[in-house]
Amino acid sequence: MRATSKSAVGLMLGTLVLGAGCGSQPDGEGTQTVSQGKIIGTNDLIPVIQDGANIPAKYRPLVDAFGEISMGCTATHVGNGLVLTAGHCFNAPATRTNNIPCAGTTVDWGVRKDKPKYLTSSCQTVLAAEQSGTRDYAIFRVSPVPPVKVTLDFNQRPPTGRKITIFGHPQIRPLEWSQLCSVQPASNGGAGADQFTHQCDTEPGSSGSTILDDATLAVIGIHDGGTVPWNYGTYLAATPIAEFVGGTANQSPTVTFTAPAANATVSGTVTVSADAADADGRVVQVVFALPDGTNVTDTTAPYSVTFDSALVANGSFALKATATDDKGAGTTASRTITVSNTTAGWSASGAPNLATVDNGSACTTLTVAGTGSAADAKVDLAGRHDYRSILRATLAHGGVTKTVFATGTFPNGAGAFSLTTKAVAGFSGSAAGDWQLCIVDTDAFRDTGTLATWSVHN
């Protein structure tokens, strides 16, 4: 059993070479070459005996629904000869593919440590499969049909902490039980958006095992693989399997912008709002991605936020609103707007007559008192130097430092250097406050020079 606080203290290593299929994904488990087990800490796998007497009674009616696929993965019968496993067990491509041939692939059902298989089924066709960065699933049809099935739950992405359990054929051994663990965030192990992590024990050969909600004993996911200390699986609700088994898949929410209008020109404080709805549940949040780089979440209808358009440069921007429903499905709407603010004039200037420093930096500061956007910053400067091409300059404001000009901007030799209305990109927020210009002499040849004047403005 895996508690999320339990440290990973064990790696079960070995090399398993089998037929084509499951080993095609580096972190997946199954056939071809696998070099790392997925035991998290102490090995909690329990071999299931013939009548299931050594596992909780509630699981015993299900054990004959689990099978061992000839290429080295685990299968689960879900009714009418339809079987679930992982997409990488069939070398599935990165996008959903239907009707993949599977001639020669078989499933042995009911294999336990003290009981041989009770049935061998042949794969007829892989109805749909995918092995991508976000999903890894397959559904295939077999004959003859096993007499036992497991139910499916398409209507939820179980929340973090939900207790789950797994039955599988690790290392092609007879059926074993993982005991209990819990649903954990995908971010723990770098899993995809339609996946979650867990710490139930698995090993090569466990790929494709269905992940059961321990309360309902319904399938909520498909185990795909892992790297210690996290295993991962694909949410059943994120797959198209409902199309084949007659279940009702969760419908994604809808989201539509209500303001500003499409292609609107905006200025000042801008209100961004959207309508969101969910036909088979409820919307839990709408996240607005704004031109100033922030993401703002609103959990209550009407969904609306504001942003100060004066803090970004004038131009075209894409707004995004992402609605998420109570089952974890999301939908994103986009809208293009144009920011056009009458720019308030701001500037500061000085004549420091600042001597350059041989092989060093000479810095001077101006303070802007006016309002406006720092994104519009431009620089004027003028001076002389013994060898102008070795100079470079930086401008700093609000904790951000950007290059004004690089070495080689001006000709070799002695003479004047100057820039007029040189745009310096990369600043944001208000222009008010200190601006520091540094002239950098980049070699040690006792060159001398002077920054006579400079200014910063929009």
Protein backbone atom coordinates (compact mmCIF):
# COMPACT_ATOMS: atom_id res chain seq x y z
CA MET A 1 0.00 0.00 0.00
CA ARG A 2 1.38 3.41 -0.91
CA ALA A 3 0.93 6.42 1.28
CA THR A 4 1.97 9.57 -0.55
CA SER A 5 4.50 10.38 2.15
CA LYS A 6 6.22 7.04 1.81
CA SER A 7 9.75 7.42 0.46
CA ALA A 8 10.94 5.51 -2.56
CA VAL A 9 13.55 3.14 -1.25
CA GLY A 10 13.59 0.31 -3.72
CA LEU A 11 14.19 -0.33 -7.38
CA MET A 12 13.45 -3.73 -8.77
CA LEU A 13 15.74 -4.10 -11.76
CA GLY A 14 15.84 -6.64 -14.50
CA THR A 15 15.58 -7.12 -18.20
CA LEU A 16 12.55 -8.72 -19.78
CA VAL A 17 12.57 -9.51 -23.48
CA LEU A 18 9.24 -10.55 -24.98
CA GLY A 19 7.21 -10.07 -28.16
CA ALA A 20 6.37 -6.79 -29.91
CA GLY A 21 4.24 -4.15 -28.21
CA CYS A 22 4.41 -2.89 -24.65
CA GLY A 23 8.05 -1.97 -24.46
CA SER A 24 7.84 0.72 -27.15
CA GLN A 25 7.35 3.48 -24.61
CA PRO A 26 10.46 4.17 -22.49
CA ASP A 27 8.60 4.55 -19.21
CA GLY A 28 5.89 2.01 -20.02
CA GLU A 29 5.93 -1.50 -18.74
CA GLY A 30 5.53 -4.68 -20.72
CA THR A 31 7.22 -6.38 -23.63
CA GLN A 32 10.40 -5.84 -25.57
CA THR A 33 13.12 -4.45 -23.26
CA VAL A 34 12.27 -3.19 -19.78
CA SER A 35 15.05 -2.33 -17.34
CA GLN A 36 13.25 -0.84 -14.36
CA GLY A 37 10.46 -2.08 -12.10
CA LYS A 38 7.98 0.23 -10.47
CA ILE A 39 7.97 -1.01 -6.89
CA ILE A 40 7.60 2.02 -4.62
CA GLY A 41 9.37 1.29 -1.35
CA THR A 42 8.40 -2.10 0.08
CA ASN A 43 6.95 -4.62 -2.39
CA ASP A 44 3.25 -4.84 -1.47
CA LEU A 45 2.13 -7.07 -4.34
CA ILE A 46 0.09 -10.07 -3.19
CA PRO A 47 -0.26 -13.18 -5.44
CA VAL A 48 -3.97 -14.03 -5.69
CA ILE A 49 -4.78 -17.64 -4.88
CA GLN A 50 -7.35 -19.77 -6.70
CA ASP A 51 -10.53 -18.69 -4.89
CA GLY A 52 -9.25 -15.26 -3.87
CA ALA A 53 -9.37 -16.20 -0.19
CA ASN A 54 -6.27 -14.10 0.54
CA ILE A 55 -7.79 -10.83 -0.74
CA PRO A 56 -10.80 -8.87 0.53
CA ALA A 57 -14.10 -10.59 -0.30
CA LYS A 58 -15.43 -7.67 -2.32
CA TYR A 59 -12.76 -8.21 -5.01
CA ARG A 60 -13.25 -11.96 -5.45
CA PRO A 61 -16.08 -11.80 -8.04
CA LEU A 62 -13.83 -9.72 -10.32
CA VAL A 63 -10.61 -11.73 -10.50
CA ASP A 64 -11.60 -13.80 -13.54
CA ALA A 65 -12.09 -10.55 -15.52
CA PHE A 66 -8.33 -9.95 -15.59
CA GLY A 67 -6.10 -11.58 -18.19
CA GLU A 68 -2.52 -11.91 -19.35
CA ILE A 69 -1.91 -10.73 -22.93
CA SER A 70 0.54 -12.77 -24.99
CA MET A 71 2.74 -9.72 -25.69
CA GLY A 72 3.21 -9.20 -21.96
CA CYS A 73 0.61 -6.68 -20.75
CA THR A 74 -2.47 -6.98 -18.54
CA ALA A 75 -6.05 -6.98 -19.89
CA THR A 76 -9.46 -6.34 -18.31
CA HIS A 77 -12.73 -7.61 -19.78
CA VAL A 78 -15.47 -4.93 -19.61
CA GLY A 79 -18.29 -6.85 -21.29
CA ASN A 80 -19.35 -8.23 -24.70
CA GLY A 81 -15.82 -9.31 -25.55
CA LEU A 82 -14.42 -5.79 -25.18
CA VAL A 83 -11.09 -5.58 -23.39
CA LEU A 84 -9.03 -2.64 -22.06
CA THR A 85 -5.26 -2.25 -21.88
CA ALA A 86 -2.60 0.40 -22.57
CA GLY A 87 -2.05 1.80 -26.05
CA HIS A 88 1.69 1.17 -25.98
CA CYS A 89 0.98 -2.55 -25.62
CA PHE A 90 -0.06 -2.41 -29.30
CA ASN A 91 2.57 0.15 -30.34
CA ALA A 92 -0.24 2.67 -30.83
CA PRO A 93 0.59 5.96 -32.58
CA ALA A 94 0.44 9.38 -30.89
CA THR A 95 -3.04 10.10 -32.25
CA ARG A 96 -6.13 7.96 -31.91
CA THR A 97 -6.16 5.17 -34.49
CA ASN A 98 -9.05 2.78 -35.12
CA ASN A 99 -9.13 -0.83 -36.32
CA ILE A 100 -5.52 -1.85 -35.75
CA PRO A 101 -4.85 -5.48 -36.75
CA CYS A 102 -3.91 -7.80 -33.87
CA ALA A 103 -3.81 -11.29 -35.40
CA GLY A 104 -1.84 -13.70 -33.28
CA THR A 105 -2.40 -11.84 -30.00
CA THR A 106 -4.14 -13.89 -27.31
CA VAL A 107 -5.33 -13.38 -23.73
CA ASP A 108 -5.20 -16.02 -21.01
CA TRP A 109 -7.93 -15.46 -18.40
CA GLY A 110 -7.94 -16.45 -14.73
CA VAL A 111 -4.25 -17.32 -14.33
CA ARG A 112 -3.44 -17.59 -10.60
CA LYS A 113 -0.57 -19.02 -8.60
CA ASP A 114 -2.42 -22.27 -7.89
CA LYS A 115 -4.86 -22.31 -10.82
CA PRO A 116 -4.26 -22.46 -14.57
CA LYS A 117 -6.06 -20.29 -17.10
CA TYR A 118 -9.72 -21.13 -17.60
CA LEU A 119 -9.96 -19.62 -21.10
CA THR A 120 -7.79 -18.31 -23.94
CA SER A 121 -9.28 -15.64 -26.21
CA SER A 122 -7.92 -14.35 -29.51
CA CYS A 123 -7.76 -10.67 -30.36
CA GLN A 124 -10.08 -9.85 -33.27
CA THR A 125 -9.21 -6.17 -33.77
CA VAL A 126 -8.00 -3.17 -31.78
CA LEU A 127 -11.00 -0.86 -32.01
CA ALA A 128 -9.14 2.28 -30.89
CA ALA A 129 -5.74 3.02 -29.36
CA GLU A 130 -3.47 5.96 -28.61
CA GLN A 131 -0.08 6.42 -27.00
CA SER A 132 0.63 10.15 -26.62
CA GLY A 133 2.03 12.52 -24.04
CA THR A 134 -1.42 12.87 -22.49
CA ARG A 135 -3.22 9.54 -23.03
CA ASP A 136 -2.24 5.87 -23.31
CA TYR A 137 -5.16 3.47 -23.83
CA ALA A 138 -6.47 0.70 -26.07
CA ILE A 139 -9.77 -1.15 -26.41
CA PHE A 140 -9.89 -4.39 -28.38
CA ARG A 141 -12.36 -7.18 -29.10
CA VAL A 142 -11.72 -10.85 -28.28
CA SER A 143 -13.34 -14.21 -28.90
CA PRO A 144 -14.42 -16.31 -27.12
CA VAL A 145 -15.90 -13.90 -24.60
CA PRO A 146 -14.94 -14.26 -20.90
CA PRO A 147 -17.89 -14.70 -18.52
CA VAL A 148 -16.81 -12.04 -16.00
CA LYS A 149 -16.57 -8.29 -16.53
CA VAL A 150 -15.70 -5.12 -14.62
CA THR A 151 -17.92 -2.03 -14.74
CA LEU A 152 -16.76 1.35 -16.06
CA ASP A 153 -17.10 4.88 -14.70
CA PHE A 154 -16.86 7.53 -17.42
CA ASN A 155 -18.46 10.28 -15.39
CA GLN A 156 -15.62 11.54 -13.26
CA ARG A 157 -11.95 12.22 -12.91
CA PRO A 158 -11.58 11.06 -9.32
CA PRO A 159 -10.22 13.76 -7.02
CA THR A 160 -6.81 13.68 -5.40
CA GLY A 161 -6.85 11.27 -2.47
CA ARG A 162 -9.47 8.87 -3.85
CA LYS A 163 -8.54 5.30 -2.86
CA ILE A 164 -7.74 3.01 -5.80
CA THR A 165 -6.45 -0.50 -6.40
CA ILE A 166 -4.93 -2.54 -9.25
CA PHE A 167 -4.90 -6.20 -10.32
CA GLY A 168 -2.29 -7.20 -12.89
CA HIS A 169 0.31 -9.65 -14.17
CA PRO A 170 3.66 -8.09 -13.19
CA GLN A 171 6.64 -9.75 -14.87
CA ILE A 172 4.13 -12.13 -16.58
CA ARG A 173 3.44 -13.77 -13.22
CA PRO A 174 0.01 -15.09 -12.21
CA LEU A 175 -2.49 -12.47 -11.05
CA GLU A 176 -1.30 -10.18 -8.24
CA TRP A 177 -3.03 -7.47 -6.21
CA SER A 178 -1.37 -4.11 -5.53
CA GLN A 179 -3.33 -3.37 -2.34
CA LEU A 180 -4.43 0.27 -1.94
CA CYS A 181 -3.01 3.63 -2.95
CA SER A 182 -4.61 6.93 -3.98
CA VAL A 183 -5.09 9.25 -6.93
CA GLN A 184 -2.39 11.95 -6.97
CA PRO A 185 -1.71 14.94 -9.28
CA ALA A 186 -0.14 14.40 -12.70
CA SER A 187 2.54 16.96 -11.82
CA ASN A 188 4.22 14.55 -9.38
CA GLY A 189 5.67 12.44 -12.15
CA GLY A 190 5.43 14.69 -15.19
CA ALA A 191 2.37 12.89 -16.50
CA GLY A 192 0.05 14.40 -19.13
CA ALA A 193 -3.04 16.55 -18.72
CA ASP A 194 -5.35 13.53 -19.01
CA GLN A 195 -3.34 11.39 -16.61
CA PHE A 196 -2.74 11.08 -12.87
CA THR A 197 -0.05 9.57 -10.68
CA HIS A 198 -0.27 6.88 -8.02
CA GLN A 199 2.00 4.73 -5.86
CA CYS A 200 0.37 1.33 -6.17
CA ASP A 201 3.10 -1.24 -6.80
CA THR A 202 3.50 -2.41 -10.40
CA GLU A 203 6.23 -4.05 -12.46
CA PRO A 204 6.88 -4.65 -16.15
CA GLY A 205 3.84 -6.56 -17.38
CA SER A 206 1.42 -4.45 -15.30
CA SER A 207 0.90 -2.04 -18.21
CA GLY A 208 -2.73 -1.92 -19.24
CA SER A 209 -4.05 -2.97 -15.84
CA THR A 210 -7.25 -1.14 -15.09
CA ILE A 211 -7.27 1.14 -12.06
CA LEU A 212 -10.33 0.57 -9.90
CA ASP A 213 -12.10 2.97 -7.56
CA ASP A 214 -11.88 1.04 -4.31
CA ALA A 215 -15.33 2.21 -3.18
CA THR A 216 -17.29 1.38 -6.35
CA LEU A 217 -14.95 -1.21 -7.93
CA ALA A 218 -15.52 0.54 -11.27
CA VAL A 219 -12.69 1.28 -13.69
CA ILE A 220 -11.60 4.93 -13.48
CA GLY A 221 -8.25 4.66 -15.25
CA ILE A 222 -5.71 2.55 -17.13
CA HIS A 223 -2.23 2.02 -15.69
CA ASP A 224 0.46 3.02 -18.20
CA GLY A 225 3.87 2.96 -16.54
CA GLY A 226 6.07 4.94 -14.19
CA THR A 227 9.42 5.97 -12.85
CA VAL A 228 10.14 5.61 -9.14
CA PRO A 229 8.71 7.13 -7.00
CA TRP A 230 5.58 7.69 -9.16
CA ASN A 231 3.51 5.45 -11.40
CA TYR A 232 0.89 6.96 -13.69
CA GLY A 233 -2.32 6.16 -15.52
CA THR A 234 -4.83 7.65 -17.97
CA TYR A 235 -8.25 8.77 -16.76
CA LEU A 236 -10.94 6.59 -18.33
CA ALA A 237 -13.12 9.71 -18.70
CA ALA A 238 -10.44 11.21 -20.98
CA THR A 239 -10.63 8.34 -23.49
CA PRO A 240 -13.18 7.60 -26.25
CA ILE A 241 -13.88 4.11 -24.87
CA ALA A 242 -17.48 5.05 -24.06
CA GLU A 243 -18.15 5.08 -27.81
CA PHE A 244 -17.63 1.32 -27.93
CA VAL A 245 -19.21 0.10 -24.70
CA GLY A 246 -22.40 2.16 -24.71
CA GLY A 247 -21.41 4.35 -21.78
CA THR A 248 -22.05 8.04 -21.61
CA ALA A 249 -18.87 10.05 -21.86
CA ASN A 250 -18.57 13.31 -20.00
CA GLN A 251 -19.46 16.32 -22.13
CA SER A 252 -16.96 19.16 -22.01
CA PRO A 253 -18.23 22.56 -20.87
CA THR A 254 -18.90 25.44 -23.25
CA VAL A 255 -17.40 28.90 -22.90
CA THR A 256 -18.07 32.04 -24.93
CA PHE A 257 -16.70 35.55 -24.57
CA THR A 258 -19.28 38.26 -23.90
CA ALA A 259 -16.85 41.19 -23.63
CA PRO A 260 -14.96 42.82 -25.15
CA ALA A 261 -16.35 42.35 -28.66
CA ALA A 262 -14.33 40.38 -31.18
CA ASN A 263 -11.56 42.52 -32.73
CA ALA A 264 -12.49 45.41 -30.42
CA THR A 265 -10.05 48.26 -29.82
CA VAL A 266 -9.67 48.86 -26.08
CA SER A 267 -7.89 51.27 -23.74
CA GLY A 268 -7.60 51.96 -20.03
CA THR A 269 -9.22 49.45 -17.67
CA VAL A 270 -10.77 46.64 -19.69
CA THR A 271 -13.50 44.26 -18.49
CA VAL A 272 -13.19 40.71 -19.82
CA SER A 273 -16.20 38.44 -19.32
CA ALA A 274 -17.49 35.08 -20.54
CA ASP A 275 -20.48 32.79 -20.27
CA ALA A 276 -19.79 29.15 -19.39
CA ALA A 277 -22.13 26.16 -19.01
CA ASP A 278 -21.97 22.38 -18.65
CA ALA A 279 -24.71 20.14 -20.04
CA ASP A 280 -24.09 17.17 -17.75
CA GLY A 281 -22.61 18.76 -14.65
CA ARG A 282 -21.42 22.14 -13.48
CA VAL A 283 -18.67 24.62 -14.28
CA VAL A 284 -16.20 24.90 -11.40
CA GLN A 285 -14.03 27.71 -12.76
CA VAL A 286 -13.14 29.94 -15.69
CA VAL A 287 -9.50 31.00 -16.04
CA PHE A 288 -8.78 34.14 -18.06
CA ALA A 289 -5.37 34.53 -19.72
CA LEU A 290 -4.76 38.28 -20.08
CA PRO A 291 -2.44 40.40 -22.22
CA ASP A 292 -0.37 41.45 -19.19
CA GLY A 293 0.72 37.82 -18.75
CA THR A 294 -1.49 37.03 -15.76
CA ASN A 295 -3.99 34.18 -15.40
CA VAL A 296 -7.01 35.11 -13.27
CA THR A 297 -9.52 32.53 -12.01
CA ASP A 298 -13.20 33.25 -11.39
CA THR A 299 -15.26 30.49 -9.75
CA THR A 300 -18.63 32.22 -9.70
CA ALA A 301 -20.91 33.24 -12.56
CA PRO A 302 -21.05 35.75 -14.13
CA TYR A 303 -17.40 35.13 -14.97
CA SER A 304 -15.54 38.42 -15.30
CA VAL A 305 -12.15 40.05 -14.62
CA THR A 306 -10.46 43.37 -15.43
CA PHE A 307 -6.96 44.37 -16.47
CA ASP A 308 -5.12 47.66 -17.00
CA SER A 309 -4.31 47.89 -20.69
CA ALA A 310 -1.93 50.80 -20.03
CA LEU A 311 0.53 48.28 -18.60
CA VAL A 312 1.07 46.63 -22.01
CA ALA A 313 2.31 48.04 -25.28
CA ASN A 314 -0.21 49.08 -27.89
CA GLY A 315 -0.94 46.28 -30.34
CA SER A 316 -2.90 43.08 -30.97
CA PHE A 317 -3.43 40.50 -28.22
CA ALA A 318 -5.28 37.19 -27.81
CA LEU A 319 -7.52 36.78 -24.78
CA LYS A 320 -8.24 33.23 -23.60
CA ALA A 321 -10.94 31.86 -21.32
CA THR A 322 -10.77 28.23 -20.17
CA ALA A 323 -13.81 26.68 -18.49
CA THR A 324 -13.39 23.51 -16.41
CA ASP A 325 -16.25 21.24 -15.32
CA ASP A 326 -16.68 19.14 -12.19
CA LYS A 327 -15.25 16.09 -13.96
CA GLY A 328 -12.05 17.83 -15.00
CA ALA A 329 -12.85 18.45 -18.68
CA GLY A 330 -11.89 21.84 -20.06
CA THR A 331 -12.73 24.03 -23.06
CA THR A 332 -10.88 27.17 -24.18
CA ALA A 333 -12.22 30.14 -26.15
CA SER A 334 -10.02 32.82 -27.73
CA ARG A 335 -10.71 36.38 -28.75
CA THR A 336 -8.45 38.94 -30.42
CA ILE A 337 -8.42 42.57 -29.29
CA THR A 338 -6.29 45.60 -30.06
CA VAL A 339 -4.88 47.76 -27.26
CA SER A 340 -4.61 51.42 -28.24
CA ASN A 341 -3.96 53.81 -25.40
CA THR A 342 -3.17 57.47 -25.85
CA THR A 343 0.29 57.27 -24.46
CA ALA A 344 1.07 59.69 -21.66
CA GLY A 345 4.35 61.41 -22.28
CA TRP A 346 7.11 60.55 -19.84
CA SER A 347 10.81 61.28 -19.89
CA ALA A 348 13.90 62.10 -17.89
CA SER A 349 17.20 63.48 -19.16
CA GLY A 350 20.61 64.44 -17.85
CA ALA A 351 24.09 65.56 -18.78
CA PRO A 352 26.32 63.59 -16.44
CA ASN A 353 29.58 64.00 -18.38
CA LEU A 354 30.35 60.57 -16.93
CA ALA A 355 33.85 59.20 -17.49
CA THR A 356 33.99 55.65 -18.79
CA VAL A 357 35.93 53.03 -16.81
CA ASP A 358 38.68 51.10 -18.58
CA ASN A 359 37.60 47.44 -18.68
CA GLY A 360 34.65 48.26 -16.40
CA SER A 361 31.21 49.86 -16.07
CA ALA A 362 30.24 53.49 -15.56
CA CYS A 363 26.61 53.90 -14.51
CA THR A 364 24.27 56.84 -14.13
CA THR A 365 20.64 57.07 -12.97
CA LEU A 366 17.64 59.18 -14.01
CA THR A 367 14.28 59.26 -12.23
CA VAL A 368 10.99 59.35 -14.17
CA ALA A 369 8.15 61.04 -12.31
CA GLY A 370 5.47 60.83 -14.99
CA THR A 371 3.05 57.97 -15.64
CA GLY A 372 3.04 55.64 -18.60
CA SER A 373 4.18 52.20 -19.66
CA ALA A 374 7.78 51.09 -19.26
CA ALA A 375 7.22 48.87 -22.30
CA ASP A 376 7.56 51.99 -24.46
CA ALA A 377 11.08 52.82 -23.25
CA LYS A 378 13.46 54.55 -25.66
CA VAL A 379 16.95 55.92 -25.08
CA ASP A 380 18.96 58.86 -26.46
CA LEU A 381 22.65 59.11 -25.61
CA ALA A 382 25.81 60.85 -26.80
CA GLY A 383 29.50 60.73 -25.89
CA ARG A 384 33.07 60.16 -27.08
CA HIS A 385 35.56 57.31 -26.64
CA ASP A 386 39.09 56.35 -27.70
CA TYR A 387 37.89 53.08 -29.24
CA ARG A 388 34.13 53.09 -29.69
CA SER A 389 33.61 49.54 -31.00
CA ILE A 390 34.50 47.96 -27.64
CA LEU A 391 31.61 49.67 -25.85
CA ARG A 392 28.28 48.17 -24.91
CA ALA A 393 25.45 49.54 -22.74
CA THR A 394 22.62 48.27 -20.52
CA LEU A 395 19.45 49.87 -19.17
CA ALA A 396 17.86 48.73 -15.88
CA HIS A 397 14.43 49.50 -14.41
CA GLY A 398 12.13 47.73 -11.98
CA GLY A 399 14.55 44.85 -11.42
CA VAL A 400 14.92 44.16 -15.15
CA THR A 401 18.13 44.83 -17.13
CA LYS A 402 18.18 44.96 -20.94
CA THR A 403 20.82 45.63 -23.59
CA VAL A 404 20.79 49.11 -25.19
CA PHE A 405 23.58 48.36 -27.65
CA ALA A 406 26.15 45.60 -28.07
CA THR A 407 29.88 45.75 -28.81
CA GLY A 408 30.56 46.47 -32.44
CA THR A 409 27.64 48.88 -32.75
CA PHE A 410 29.98 51.82 -33.35
CA PRO A 411 33.08 51.98 -35.62
CA ASN A 412 36.60 51.20 -34.50
CA GLY A 413 38.82 54.04 -33.35
CA ALA A 414 38.32 57.27 -31.50
CA GLY A 415 35.31 59.47 -32.03
CA ALA A 416 31.74 60.24 -31.05
CA PHE A 417 29.06 57.64 -30.32
CA SER A 418 25.35 58.39 -30.14
CA LEU A 419 21.86 56.89 -30.36
CA THR A 420 18.56 58.63 -30.96
CA THR A 421 15.17 57.19 -29.92
CA LYS A 422 16.63 53.69 -29.53
CA ALA A 423 13.76 51.37 -28.45
CA VAL A 424 14.71 49.04 -25.60
CA ALA A 425 12.25 46.12 -25.39
CA GLY A 426 11.53 43.89 -22.43
CA PHE A 427 10.28 46.24 -19.72
CA SER A 428 6.77 46.17 -18.27
CA GLY A 429 4.67 47.94 -15.68
CA SER A 430 4.89 51.62 -14.85
CA ALA A 431 7.65 53.84 -16.20
CA ALA A 432 7.78 55.80 -12.95
CA GLY A 433 10.95 55.34 -10.88
CA ASP A 434 14.67 55.00 -11.43
CA TRP A 435 16.31 54.09 -14.75
CA GLN A 436 20.01 53.22 -14.73
CA LEU A 437 22.23 53.38 -17.83
CA CYS A 438 25.62 51.64 -17.72
CA ILE A 439 28.34 52.18 -20.35
CA VAL A 440 30.67 49.17 -20.34
CA ASP A 441 34.26 49.29 -21.64
CA THR A 442 35.07 45.68 -22.51
CA ASP A 443 38.89 45.64 -22.75
CA ALA A 444 41.92 46.80 -20.73
CA PHE A 445 43.84 49.10 -23.11
CA ARG A 446 43.59 52.23 -20.95
CA ASP A 447 40.96 53.74 -23.24
CA THR A 448 39.16 56.82 -22.00
CA GLY A 449 35.80 58.28 -22.84
CA THR A 450 32.82 60.29 -21.62
CA LEU A 451 29.04 59.87 -21.66
CA ALA A 452 28.01 63.46 -22.17
CA THR A 453 24.21 63.29 -22.20
CA TRP A 454 21.40 60.75 -22.12
CA SER A 455 17.68 60.52 -21.73
CA VAL A 456 14.98 57.88 -21.36
CA HIS A 457 11.45 58.46 -22.64
CA ASN A 458 8.50 56.95 -24.47
